Amino acid sequence: MSPGRSTRNTRKTAYAVVLVAMGVALAPYTSFPIGIAKVNPTQHFVNVLAATLLGPWWAILTAAVIAVLRNAMGVGTLLAFPGGMIGAFLAGIAFRAVRRTWASAAGEILGTGGIAPVVSALLVAPSLMGKSIPLMALVPSFLCSTVAGALLGILALRLLQRADIVHL
């Protein structure tokens, strides 16, 4: 018998809370500057897990809560919002379409490494941060962070599958 909607939502909420806790707890130890951005590969690791285990909408919510808390703790910037949320969404959509963990990682890398720097440079930095950031100054930072985190996310998912903890 499959679990009811209420049980599924409770389980997804619990997973999201644990992922947020991981993202926030590890942020002070994994955030560091690359170029002009403060990057956090843990965010992208969590995005791949959230997108694969929970789907795109829960992944966006998880990324948004982590960004809020990282900013409140002083270990993030406003660039964490597009950097985390766009990648999380595309990772969830890609996994949903292909049902492979590599697709989730590819969506994360495309969203965070390709689209988020454009949104950050053209919208977030000038309007919310009051500064101009060159697009090509953000791309290497975002790409390094997301590739490292996405690869760790794939590894974690494979280990969780091998340990028979998750079933994808």
N, C-alpha and C. Protein backbone atom coordinates (compact mmCIF):
# COMPACT_ATOMS: atom_id res chain seq x y z
N MET A 1 0.85 -1.17 0.00
CA MET A 1 0.00 0.00 0.00
C MET A 1 0.90 1.24 0.00
N SER A 2 0.63 2.16 -0.88
CA SER A 2 1.46 3.36 -0.96
C SER A 2 1.02 4.37 0.10
N PRO A 3 1.99 5.17 0.57
CA PRO A 3 1.65 6.16 1.60
C PRO A 3 0.72 7.24 1.04
N GLY A 4 -0.14 7.76 1.91
CA GLY A 4 -1.07 8.80 1.50
C GLY A 4 -0.37 10.12 1.28
N ARG A 5 -1.12 11.07 0.74
CA ARG A 5 -0.58 12.39 0.44
C ARG A 5 0.01 13.07 1.68
N SER A 6 -0.70 12.96 2.80
CA SER A 6 -0.24 13.58 4.03
C SER A 6 1.10 12.99 4.48
N THR A 7 1.23 11.67 4.39
CA THR A 7 2.48 11.01 4.76
C THR A 7 3.60 11.43 3.84
N ARG A 8 3.34 11.51 2.53
CA ARG A 8 4.36 11.93 1.56
C ARG A 8 4.81 13.36 1.85
N ASN A 9 3.87 14.26 2.13
CA ASN A 9 4.24 15.65 2.42
C ASN A 9 5.02 15.75 3.73
N THR A 10 4.66 14.95 4.71
CA THR A 10 5.40 14.95 5.97
C THR A 10 6.83 14.47 5.73
N ARG A 11 6.97 13.42 4.94
CA ARG A 11 8.30 12.90 4.63
C ARG A 11 9.12 13.93 3.86
N LYS A 12 8.51 14.58 2.88
CA LYS A 12 9.22 15.60 2.11
C LYS A 12 9.61 16.78 3.00
N THR A 13 8.74 17.16 3.90
CA THR A 13 9.06 18.25 4.83
C THR A 13 10.25 17.86 5.70
N ALA A 14 10.24 16.64 6.19
CA ALA A 14 11.35 16.17 7.03
C ALA A 14 12.66 16.16 6.25
N TYR A 15 12.63 15.66 5.02
CA TYR A 15 13.83 15.67 4.18
C TYR A 15 14.31 17.11 3.95
N ALA A 16 13.37 17.99 3.65
CA ALA A 16 13.74 19.39 3.39
C ALA A 16 14.37 20.03 4.62
N VAL A 17 13.83 19.76 5.79
CA VAL A 17 14.39 20.32 7.04
C VAL A 17 15.81 19.81 7.25
N VAL A 18 16.04 18.53 7.03
CA VAL A 18 17.38 17.97 7.19
C VAL A 18 18.34 18.58 6.18
N LEU A 19 17.90 18.73 4.93
CA LEU A 19 18.76 19.33 3.90
C LEU A 19 19.08 20.79 4.21
N VAL A 20 18.09 21.54 4.69
CA VAL A 20 18.35 22.93 5.09
C VAL A 20 19.36 22.95 6.23
N ALA A 21 19.17 22.08 7.20
CA ALA A 21 20.10 22.03 8.33
C ALA A 21 21.52 21.73 7.86
N MET A 22 21.66 20.79 6.93
CA MET A 22 22.99 20.48 6.38
C MET A 22 23.57 21.69 5.67
N GLY A 23 22.77 22.32 4.83
CA GLY A 23 23.24 23.47 4.06
C GLY A 23 23.66 24.63 4.94
N VAL A 24 22.92 24.85 6.01
CA VAL A 24 23.24 25.96 6.91
C VAL A 24 24.41 25.60 7.83
N ALA A 25 24.40 24.40 8.36
CA ALA A 25 25.46 23.99 9.29
C ALA A 25 26.83 23.93 8.61
N LEU A 26 26.86 23.50 7.36
CA LEU A 26 28.15 23.38 6.66
C LEU A 26 28.60 24.68 6.01
N ALA A 27 27.70 25.62 5.81
CA ALA A 27 28.03 26.86 5.10
C ALA A 27 29.24 27.63 5.67
N PRO A 28 29.35 27.80 6.98
CA PRO A 28 30.51 28.54 7.48
C PRO A 28 31.85 27.86 7.18
N TYR A 29 31.81 26.56 6.97
CA TYR A 29 33.04 25.81 6.73
C TYR A 29 33.34 25.59 5.25
N THR A 30 32.34 25.79 4.41
CA THR A 30 32.53 25.53 2.98
C THR A 30 32.36 26.77 2.11
N SER A 31 32.05 27.91 2.69
CA SER A 31 31.94 29.16 1.93
C SER A 31 33.32 29.81 1.85
N PHE A 32 33.70 30.19 0.65
CA PHE A 32 34.99 30.84 0.45
C PHE A 32 34.92 31.67 -0.82
N PRO A 33 35.75 32.69 -0.91
CA PRO A 33 35.72 33.53 -2.12
C PRO A 33 36.47 32.88 -3.28
N ILE A 34 35.83 32.94 -4.44
CA ILE A 34 36.49 32.60 -5.71
C ILE A 34 36.20 33.79 -6.61
N GLY A 35 37.22 34.50 -6.98
CA GLY A 35 37.00 35.72 -7.74
C GLY A 35 36.29 36.73 -6.87
N ILE A 36 35.21 37.30 -7.39
CA ILE A 36 34.49 38.33 -6.64
C ILE A 36 33.28 37.80 -5.88
N ALA A 37 33.00 36.50 -6.01
CA ALA A 37 31.84 35.92 -5.35
C ALA A 37 32.27 35.02 -4.19
N LYS A 38 31.41 34.95 -3.19
CA LYS A 38 31.61 34.00 -2.10
C LYS A 38 30.82 32.75 -2.49
N VAL A 39 31.52 31.65 -2.74
CA VAL A 39 30.86 30.45 -3.23
C VAL A 39 30.64 29.46 -2.09
N ASN A 40 29.71 28.55 -2.32
CA ASN A 40 29.38 27.54 -1.32
C ASN A 40 28.99 26.25 -2.04
N PRO A 41 29.94 25.35 -2.30
CA PRO A 41 29.61 24.09 -2.98
C PRO A 41 28.58 23.25 -2.24
N THR A 42 28.48 23.42 -0.92
CA THR A 42 27.47 22.68 -0.16
C THR A 42 26.07 22.99 -0.66
N GLN A 43 25.82 24.23 -1.07
CA GLN A 43 24.50 24.58 -1.58
C GLN A 43 24.15 23.74 -2.80
N HIS A 44 25.09 23.53 -3.66
CA HIS A 44 24.83 22.79 -4.90
C HIS A 44 24.73 21.29 -4.64
N PHE A 45 25.48 20.82 -3.66
CA PHE A 45 25.36 19.45 -3.18
C PHE A 45 23.93 19.22 -2.67
N VAL A 46 23.46 20.12 -1.82
CA VAL A 46 22.10 20.02 -1.27
C VAL A 46 21.07 20.16 -2.39
N ASN A 47 21.30 21.04 -3.35
CA ASN A 47 20.36 21.21 -4.46
C ASN A 47 20.16 19.92 -5.23
N VAL A 48 21.24 19.21 -5.52
CA VAL A 48 21.13 17.95 -6.26
C VAL A 48 20.35 16.93 -5.44
N LEU A 49 20.63 16.85 -4.15
CA LEU A 49 19.88 15.94 -3.29
C LEU A 49 18.40 16.32 -3.23
N ALA A 50 18.12 17.59 -2.99
CA ALA A 50 16.73 18.05 -2.87
C ALA A 50 15.97 17.86 -4.18
N ALA A 51 16.60 18.21 -5.28
CA ALA A 51 15.94 18.08 -6.59
C ALA A 51 15.61 16.63 -6.90
N THR A 52 16.53 15.74 -6.57
CA THR A 52 16.35 14.32 -6.87
C THR A 52 15.36 13.66 -5.92
N LEU A 53 15.47 13.95 -4.65
CA LEU A 53 14.63 13.30 -3.65
C LEU A 53 13.26 13.94 -3.50
N LEU A 54 13.16 15.26 -3.74
CA LEU A 54 11.93 15.98 -3.42
C LEU A 54 11.22 16.60 -4.62
N GLY A 55 11.95 16.90 -5.68
CA GLY A 55 11.36 17.55 -6.84
C GLY A 55 11.71 19.02 -6.91
N PRO A 56 11.37 19.66 -8.03
CA PRO A 56 11.82 21.04 -8.26
C PRO A 56 11.27 22.08 -7.30
N TRP A 57 10.02 21.98 -6.91
CA TRP A 57 9.44 23.04 -6.06
C TRP A 57 9.98 22.96 -4.65
N TRP A 58 10.13 21.77 -4.11
CA TRP A 58 10.73 21.61 -2.79
C TRP A 58 12.20 22.01 -2.83
N ALA A 59 12.88 21.72 -3.93
CA ALA A 59 14.30 22.09 -4.06
C ALA A 59 14.45 23.61 -4.04
N ILE A 60 13.56 24.32 -4.74
CA ILE A 60 13.60 25.79 -4.73
C ILE A 60 13.37 26.31 -3.31
N LEU A 61 12.39 25.77 -2.64
CA LEU A 61 12.09 26.20 -1.27
C LEU A 61 13.28 25.95 -0.34
N THR A 62 13.88 24.78 -0.47
CA THR A 62 15.05 24.44 0.34
C THR A 62 16.19 25.42 0.09
N ALA A 63 16.46 25.70 -1.19
CA ALA A 63 17.54 26.64 -1.55
C ALA A 63 17.24 28.04 -1.03
N ALA A 64 15.99 28.46 -1.10
CA ALA A 64 15.62 29.80 -0.63
C ALA A 64 15.82 29.93 0.89
N VAL A 65 15.40 28.92 1.63
CA VAL A 65 15.55 28.97 3.09
C VAL A 65 17.03 28.98 3.46
N ILE A 66 17.84 28.17 2.78
CA ILE A 66 19.28 28.17 3.06
C ILE A 66 19.87 29.54 2.75
N ALA A 67 19.47 30.15 1.63
CA ALA A 67 20.00 31.48 1.28
C ALA A 67 19.63 32.52 2.33
N VAL A 68 18.40 32.49 2.80
CA VAL A 68 17.98 33.44 3.84
C VAL A 68 18.83 33.26 5.10
N LEU A 69 18.98 32.02 5.53
CA LEU A 69 19.73 31.75 6.76
C LEU A 69 21.22 32.06 6.59
N ARG A 70 21.80 31.73 5.43
CA ARG A 70 23.21 32.05 5.19
C ARG A 70 23.43 33.57 5.22
N ASN A 71 22.52 34.31 4.63
CA ASN A 71 22.64 35.77 4.65
C ASN A 71 22.50 36.30 6.07
N ALA A 72 21.58 35.74 6.83
CA ALA A 72 21.40 36.18 8.22
C ALA A 72 22.63 35.89 9.06
N MET A 73 23.33 34.80 8.73
CA MET A 73 24.54 34.42 9.47
C MET A 73 25.79 35.16 8.97
N GLY A 74 25.67 35.86 7.85
CA GLY A 74 26.81 36.58 7.30
C GLY A 74 27.76 35.73 6.48
N VAL A 75 27.32 34.54 6.08
CA VAL A 75 28.18 33.67 5.26
C VAL A 75 27.64 33.53 3.83
N GLY A 76 26.77 34.45 3.45
CA GLY A 76 26.24 34.44 2.10
C GLY A 76 26.00 35.86 1.62
N THR A 77 25.69 35.99 0.36
CA THR A 77 25.32 37.29 -0.21
C THR A 77 23.99 37.13 -0.92
N LEU A 78 23.47 38.23 -1.43
CA LEU A 78 22.21 38.16 -2.16
C LEU A 78 22.34 37.32 -3.44
N LEU A 79 23.56 37.10 -3.89
CA LEU A 79 23.77 36.26 -5.07
C LEU A 79 23.44 34.79 -4.78
N ALA A 80 23.29 34.45 -3.50
CA ALA A 80 22.93 33.08 -3.13
C ALA A 80 21.52 32.73 -3.59
N PHE A 81 20.66 33.74 -3.74
CA PHE A 81 19.29 33.45 -4.16
C PHE A 81 19.22 32.95 -5.60
N PRO A 82 19.68 33.71 -6.58
CA PRO A 82 19.63 33.15 -7.94
C PRO A 82 20.59 31.97 -8.08
N GLY A 83 21.75 32.03 -7.41
CA GLY A 83 22.73 30.96 -7.52
C GLY A 83 22.21 29.62 -7.02
N GLY A 84 21.41 29.65 -5.98
CA GLY A 84 20.87 28.41 -5.45
C GLY A 84 19.54 28.01 -6.06
N MET A 85 18.64 28.96 -6.20
CA MET A 85 17.27 28.63 -6.59
C MET A 85 17.13 28.25 -8.06
N ILE A 86 17.84 28.91 -8.95
CA ILE A 86 17.73 28.57 -10.37
C ILE A 86 18.31 27.18 -10.62
N GLY A 87 19.46 26.91 -10.03
CA GLY A 87 20.06 25.59 -10.17
C GLY A 87 19.18 24.49 -9.59
N ALA A 88 18.59 24.74 -8.43
CA ALA A 88 17.72 23.75 -7.79
C ALA A 88 16.52 23.43 -8.68
N PHE A 89 15.92 24.46 -9.24
CA PHE A 89 14.75 24.26 -10.11
C PHE A 89 15.11 23.42 -11.34
N LEU A 90 16.17 23.82 -12.04
CA LEU A 90 16.55 23.08 -13.25
C LEU A 90 17.01 21.66 -12.92
N ALA A 91 17.65 21.48 -11.78
CA ALA A 91 18.05 20.13 -11.36
C ALA A 91 16.81 19.26 -11.16
N GLY A 92 15.79 19.82 -10.52
CA GLY A 92 14.56 19.07 -10.30
C GLY A 92 13.82 18.75 -11.58
N ILE A 93 13.76 19.71 -12.48
CA ILE A 93 13.09 19.50 -13.77
C ILE A 93 13.84 18.45 -14.58
N ALA A 94 15.17 18.55 -14.60
CA ALA A 94 15.98 17.59 -15.37
C ALA A 94 15.83 16.18 -14.81
N PHE A 95 15.86 16.05 -13.48
CA PHE A 95 15.70 14.72 -12.90
C PHE A 95 14.31 14.17 -13.20
N ARG A 96 13.31 15.00 -13.09
CA ARG A 96 11.94 14.56 -13.34
C ARG A 96 11.78 14.08 -14.79
N ALA A 97 12.46 14.74 -15.72
CA ALA A 97 12.34 14.38 -17.14
C ALA A 97 13.10 13.10 -17.49
N VAL A 98 14.28 12.90 -16.89
CA VAL A 98 15.16 11.81 -17.31
C VAL A 98 15.24 10.68 -16.28
N ARG A 99 14.98 10.99 -15.01
CA ARG A 99 15.06 10.03 -13.91
C ARG A 99 16.46 9.45 -13.72
N ARG A 100 17.48 10.30 -13.91
CA ARG A 100 18.88 9.92 -13.70
C ARG A 100 19.55 11.00 -12.87
N THR A 101 20.43 10.58 -11.95
CA THR A 101 21.08 11.55 -11.09
C THR A 101 22.01 12.49 -11.87
N TRP A 102 22.60 11.98 -12.94
CA TRP A 102 23.46 12.85 -13.74
C TRP A 102 22.67 14.00 -14.34
N ALA A 103 21.38 13.77 -14.65
CA ALA A 103 20.54 14.83 -15.19
C ALA A 103 20.30 15.91 -14.15
N SER A 104 20.12 15.49 -12.92
CA SER A 104 19.95 16.45 -11.83
C SER A 104 21.20 17.32 -11.70
N ALA A 105 22.36 16.70 -11.74
CA ALA A 105 23.62 17.45 -11.65
C ALA A 105 23.78 18.37 -12.86
N ALA A 106 23.43 17.90 -14.04
CA ALA A 106 23.54 18.74 -15.24
C ALA A 106 22.61 19.94 -15.16
N GLY A 107 21.40 19.74 -14.66
CA GLY A 107 20.47 20.85 -14.48
C GLY A 107 21.00 21.86 -13.47
N GLU A 108 21.59 21.36 -12.40
CA GLU A 108 22.19 22.24 -11.39
C GLU A 108 23.32 23.08 -12.00
N ILE A 109 24.18 22.43 -12.76
CA ILE A 109 25.32 23.13 -13.37
C ILE A 109 24.85 24.15 -14.41
N LEU A 110 23.87 23.78 -15.23
CA LEU A 110 23.35 24.73 -16.22
C LEU A 110 22.67 25.92 -15.53
N GLY A 111 21.85 25.63 -14.53
CA GLY A 111 21.13 26.70 -13.84
C GLY A 111 22.04 27.63 -13.06
N THR A 112 22.96 27.05 -12.28
CA THR A 112 23.83 27.87 -11.45
C THR A 112 25.02 28.41 -12.22
N GLY A 113 25.59 27.60 -13.09
CA GLY A 113 26.78 28.03 -13.81
C GLY A 113 26.51 28.85 -15.05
N GLY A 114 25.33 28.67 -15.64
CA GLY A 114 25.02 29.37 -16.88
C GLY A 114 24.00 30.50 -16.76
N ILE A 115 22.90 30.21 -16.09
CA ILE A 115 21.80 31.19 -16.03
C ILE A 115 21.93 32.12 -14.82
N ALA A 116 22.26 31.58 -13.66
CA ALA A 116 22.34 32.40 -12.44
C ALA A 116 23.34 33.55 -12.52
N PRO A 117 24.51 33.38 -13.16
CA PRO A 117 25.41 34.54 -13.27
C PRO A 117 24.79 35.69 -14.07
N VAL A 118 24.02 35.35 -15.09
CA VAL A 118 23.36 36.38 -15.91
C VAL A 118 22.33 37.14 -15.06
N VAL A 119 21.50 36.39 -14.35
CA VAL A 119 20.49 37.00 -13.48
C VAL A 119 21.18 37.83 -12.39
N SER A 120 22.25 37.30 -11.83
CA SER A 120 22.96 38.01 -10.76
C SER A 120 23.58 39.31 -11.26
N ALA A 121 24.25 39.23 -12.41
CA ALA A 121 24.95 40.41 -12.94
C ALA A 121 23.99 41.47 -13.46
N LEU A 122 22.90 41.04 -14.10
CA LEU A 122 22.00 42.00 -14.73
C LEU A 122 20.87 42.49 -13.84
N LEU A 123 20.45 41.68 -12.87
CA LEU A 123 19.30 42.06 -12.05
C LEU A 123 19.65 42.24 -10.56
N VAL A 124 20.19 41.21 -9.95
CA VAL A 124 20.37 41.21 -8.50
C VAL A 124 21.42 42.24 -8.07
N ALA A 125 22.61 42.17 -8.64
CA ALA A 125 23.68 43.09 -8.21
C ALA A 125 23.30 44.55 -8.39
N PRO A 126 22.82 44.97 -9.57
CA PRO A 126 22.51 46.41 -9.71
C PRO A 126 21.29 46.85 -8.90
N SER A 127 20.24 46.05 -8.86
CA SER A 127 19.02 46.52 -8.21
C SER A 127 18.99 46.28 -6.71
N LEU A 128 19.52 45.15 -6.23
CA LEU A 128 19.43 44.84 -4.81
C LEU A 128 20.72 45.11 -4.03
N MET A 129 21.86 45.06 -4.73
CA MET A 129 23.13 45.27 -4.05
C MET A 129 23.73 46.65 -4.34
N GLY A 130 23.15 47.34 -5.31
CA GLY A 130 23.62 48.68 -5.65
C GLY A 130 25.00 48.72 -6.25
N LYS A 131 25.39 47.65 -6.94
CA LYS A 131 26.70 47.63 -7.57
C LYS A 131 26.63 46.92 -8.91
N SER A 132 27.59 47.22 -9.72
CA SER A 132 27.70 46.60 -11.03
C SER A 132 28.76 45.50 -10.95
N ILE A 133 28.38 44.30 -11.34
CA ILE A 133 29.32 43.18 -11.34
C ILE A 133 29.40 42.65 -12.78
N PRO A 134 30.60 42.60 -13.34
CA PRO A 134 30.73 42.07 -14.70
C PRO A 134 30.30 40.60 -14.76
N LEU A 135 29.54 40.27 -15.76
CA LEU A 135 29.04 38.91 -15.93
C LEU A 135 30.18 37.89 -15.94
N MET A 136 31.21 38.17 -16.70
CA MET A 136 32.31 37.20 -16.82
C MET A 136 33.15 37.10 -15.55
N ALA A 137 32.91 37.97 -14.60
CA ALA A 137 33.58 37.84 -13.31
C ALA A 137 32.84 36.81 -12.44
N LEU A 138 31.55 36.61 -12.69
CA LEU A 138 30.76 35.68 -11.89
C LEU A 138 30.78 34.26 -12.43
N VAL A 139 30.87 34.10 -13.73
CA VAL A 139 30.75 32.77 -14.34
C VAL A 139 31.78 31.79 -13.77
N PRO A 140 33.07 32.11 -13.72
CA PRO A 140 34.02 31.13 -13.18
C PRO A 140 33.73 30.74 -11.72
N SER A 141 33.34 31.72 -10.91
CA SER A 141 33.04 31.46 -9.50
C SER A 141 31.84 30.51 -9.38
N PHE A 142 30.78 30.85 -10.07
CA PHE A 142 29.57 30.04 -10.01
C PHE A 142 29.82 28.64 -10.56
N LEU A 143 30.56 28.55 -11.67
CA LEU A 143 30.83 27.24 -12.27
C LEU A 143 31.67 26.35 -11.36
N CYS A 144 32.73 26.88 -10.79
CA CYS A 144 33.58 26.09 -9.88
C CYS A 144 32.76 25.55 -8.71
N SER A 145 31.96 26.40 -8.14
CA SER A 145 31.15 26.02 -6.98
C SER A 145 30.14 24.94 -7.34
N THR A 146 29.43 25.14 -8.44
CA THR A 146 28.36 24.21 -8.78
C THR A 146 28.87 22.87 -9.29
N VAL A 147 29.97 22.87 -10.02
CA VAL A 147 30.52 21.59 -10.49
C VAL A 147 30.96 20.75 -9.30
N ALA A 148 31.68 21.35 -8.36
CA ALA A 148 32.14 20.62 -7.18
C ALA A 148 30.95 20.08 -6.38
N GLY A 149 29.96 20.94 -6.11
CA GLY A 149 28.81 20.51 -5.33
C GLY A 149 27.96 19.48 -6.04
N ALA A 150 27.76 19.63 -7.34
CA ALA A 150 26.94 18.68 -8.10
C ALA A 150 27.60 17.30 -8.12
N LEU A 151 28.91 17.25 -8.29
CA LEU A 151 29.61 15.97 -8.28
C LEU A 151 29.50 15.30 -6.91
N LEU A 152 29.62 16.08 -5.85
CA LEU A 152 29.43 15.53 -4.50
C LEU A 152 27.99 15.03 -4.30
N GLY A 153 27.03 15.74 -4.89
CA GLY A 153 25.64 15.32 -4.80
C GLY A 153 25.40 13.97 -5.47
N ILE A 154 25.98 13.78 -6.66
CA ILE A 154 25.86 12.49 -7.35
C ILE A 154 26.49 11.38 -6.51
N LEU A 155 27.67 11.65 -5.98
CA LEU A 155 28.35 10.66 -5.14
C LEU A 155 27.50 10.30 -3.92
N ALA A 156 26.95 11.30 -3.26
CA ALA A 156 26.12 11.05 -2.07
C ALA A 156 24.89 10.23 -2.43
N LEU A 157 24.24 10.55 -3.54
CA LEU A 157 23.06 9.80 -3.95
C LEU A 157 23.41 8.34 -4.27
N ARG A 158 24.53 8.13 -4.92
CA ARG A 158 24.95 6.75 -5.22
C ARG A 158 25.24 5.98 -3.93
N LEU A 159 25.89 6.63 -2.98
CA LEU A 159 26.16 5.97 -1.70
C LEU A 159 24.87 5.67 -0.94
N LEU A 160 23.93 6.60 -0.97
CA LEU A 160 22.64 6.37 -0.30
C LEU A 160 21.86 5.23 -0.97
N GLN A 161 21.95 5.13 -2.29
CA GLN A 161 21.30 4.04 -3.00
C GLN A 161 21.97 2.71 -2.66
N ARG A 162 23.30 2.71 -2.67
CA ARG A 162 24.05 1.48 -2.37
C ARG A 162 23.75 1.00 -0.96
N ALA A 163 23.56 1.93 -0.03
CA ALA A 163 23.25 1.57 1.35
C ALA A 163 21.76 1.25 1.53
N ASP A 164 21.01 1.30 0.44
CA ASP A 164 19.57 1.00 0.44
C ASP A 164 18.77 1.95 1.34
N ILE A 165 19.22 3.22 1.35
CA ILE A 165 18.54 4.25 2.14
C ILE A 165 17.52 4.99 1.28
N VAL A 166 17.88 5.26 0.03
CA VAL A 166 16.95 5.90 -0.91
C VAL A 166 16.77 5.01 -2.13
N HIS A 167 15.61 5.15 -2.75
CA HIS A 167 15.30 4.41 -3.98
C HIS A 167 14.84 5.42 -5.01
N LEU A 168 15.59 5.52 -6.09
CA LEU A 168 15.27 6.52 -7.11
C LEU A 168 14.63 5.88 -8.32
